[in-house]
């Protein structure tokens, strides 16, 4: 009887822990997701290029172009709207 109670407690604890981890992951994904018009979304829409808050700003002039590397535009098609707004020296592929 004691073993059965212990196993039931262990099962409930494991399920609670699993739901807690899943909720934390969802919360983290919601925090990092980029919504808005034209957003493709998807599970892997957050890439390694989304590290700083400065990278969320559109690149409008040459002074902001240092925030982006040429490979950011070439390897991540979802950023193509940014390099179209930049001057030519700002990393066309």
Protein backbone atom coordinates (compact mmCIF):
# COMPACT_ATOMS: atom_id res chain seq x y z
CA UNK A 1 0.00 0.00 0.00
CA UNK A 2 2.82 2.37 0.86
CA UNK A 3 4.60 1.51 -2.37
CA UNK A 4 1.44 2.17 -4.38
CA UNK A 5 0.99 5.58 -2.73
CA UNK A 6 4.62 6.44 -3.36
CA UNK A 7 4.38 5.46 -7.04
CA UNK A 8 1.19 7.50 -7.45
CA UNK A 9 2.89 10.51 -5.86
CA UNK A 10 5.91 10.04 -8.13
CA UNK A 11 3.69 9.88 -11.22
CA UNK A 12 1.83 13.05 -10.27
CA UNK A 13 5.10 14.85 -9.49
CA UNK A 14 6.59 13.81 -12.85
CA UNK A 15 3.52 15.03 -14.75
CA UNK A 16 3.52 18.34 -12.89
CA UNK A 17 7.19 18.83 -13.66
CA UNK A 18 6.64 18.04 -17.33
CA UNK A 19 3.82 20.59 -17.62
CA UNK A 20 5.93 23.18 -15.81
CA UNK A 21 8.82 22.70 -18.25
CA UNK A 22 6.45 22.86 -21.23
CA UNK A 23 4.90 26.08 -19.91
CA UNK A 24 8.34 27.62 -19.40
CA UNK A 25 9.35 26.76 -22.97
CA UNK A 26 6.13 28.23 -24.36
CA UNK A 27 6.62 31.37 -22.30
CA UNK A 28 10.17 31.71 -23.60
CA UNK A 29 9.04 31.23 -27.20
CA UNK A 30 6.28 33.81 -26.79
CA UNK A 31 8.76 36.29 -25.35
CA UNK A 32 11.20 35.81 -28.24
CA UNK A 33 8.68 35.58 -31.05
CA UNK A 34 8.35 38.39 -33.49
CA UNK A 35 4.79 39.11 -34.45
CA UNK A 36 3.47 41.72 -36.75
CA UNK A 37 2.57 42.20 -40.35
CA UNK A 38 4.37 39.97 -42.79
CA UNK A 39 5.76 37.78 -40.05
CA UNK A 40 6.25 34.23 -41.16
CA UNK A 41 6.14 32.88 -37.59
CA UNK A 42 6.79 29.22 -37.12
CA UNK A 43 8.70 27.32 -34.52
CA UNK A 44 12.17 28.23 -35.75
CA UNK A 45 11.48 31.83 -36.71
CA UNK A 46 13.76 32.94 -33.89
CA UNK A 47 17.27 32.52 -35.13
CA UNK A 48 20.66 33.13 -33.63
CA UNK A 49 20.59 36.53 -35.33
CA UNK A 50 17.90 37.82 -32.95
CA UNK A 51 20.20 38.37 -29.99
CA UNK A 52 19.90 42.07 -29.24
CA UNK A 53 17.04 44.50 -29.10
CA UNK A 54 18.98 46.74 -31.50
CA UNK A 55 18.62 44.09 -34.18
CA UNK A 56 14.83 44.48 -34.10
CA UNK A 57 15.06 47.99 -35.53
CA UNK A 58 14.91 48.32 -39.30
CA UNK A 59 18.19 49.38 -40.84
CA UNK A 60 17.45 52.76 -42.39
CA UNK A 61 20.82 54.41 -42.83
CA UNK A 62 24.49 53.54 -42.95
CA UNK A 63 25.00 54.32 -39.26
CA UNK A 64 22.63 51.49 -38.30
CA UNK A 65 24.08 49.02 -40.78
CA UNK A 66 26.85 47.98 -38.39
CA UNK A 67 24.15 46.23 -36.37
CA UNK A 68 23.79 43.65 -39.12
CA UNK A 69 26.31 41.41 -40.82
CA UNK A 70 26.14 40.63 -44.50
CA UNK A 71 25.64 36.96 -43.64
CA UNK A 72 22.57 37.87 -41.54
CA UNK A 73 20.82 39.05 -44.68
CA UNK A 74 22.12 36.30 -46.94
CA UNK A 75 21.42 33.36 -44.64
CA UNK A 76 18.11 34.53 -43.20
CA UNK A 77 15.53 35.37 -45.91
CA UNK A 78 13.15 36.72 -43.27
CA UNK A 79 15.52 39.69 -42.84
CA UNK A 80 15.44 40.63 -46.52
CA UNK A 81 13.02 43.49 -45.80
CA UNK A 82 15.77 45.10 -43.71
CA UNK A 83 18.55 45.15 -46.26
CA UNK A 84 16.23 46.54 -48.91
CA UNK A 85 15.97 49.68 -46.75
CA UNK A 86 19.73 50.00 -46.33
CA UNK A 87 22.18 51.83 -48.57
CA UNK A 88 24.22 49.73 -50.99
CA UNK A 89 27.23 49.54 -48.69
CA UNK A 90 25.08 47.95 -46.00
CA UNK A 91 25.39 44.31 -46.96
CA UNK A 92 23.64 43.31 -50.12
CA UNK A 93 24.22 39.66 -50.88
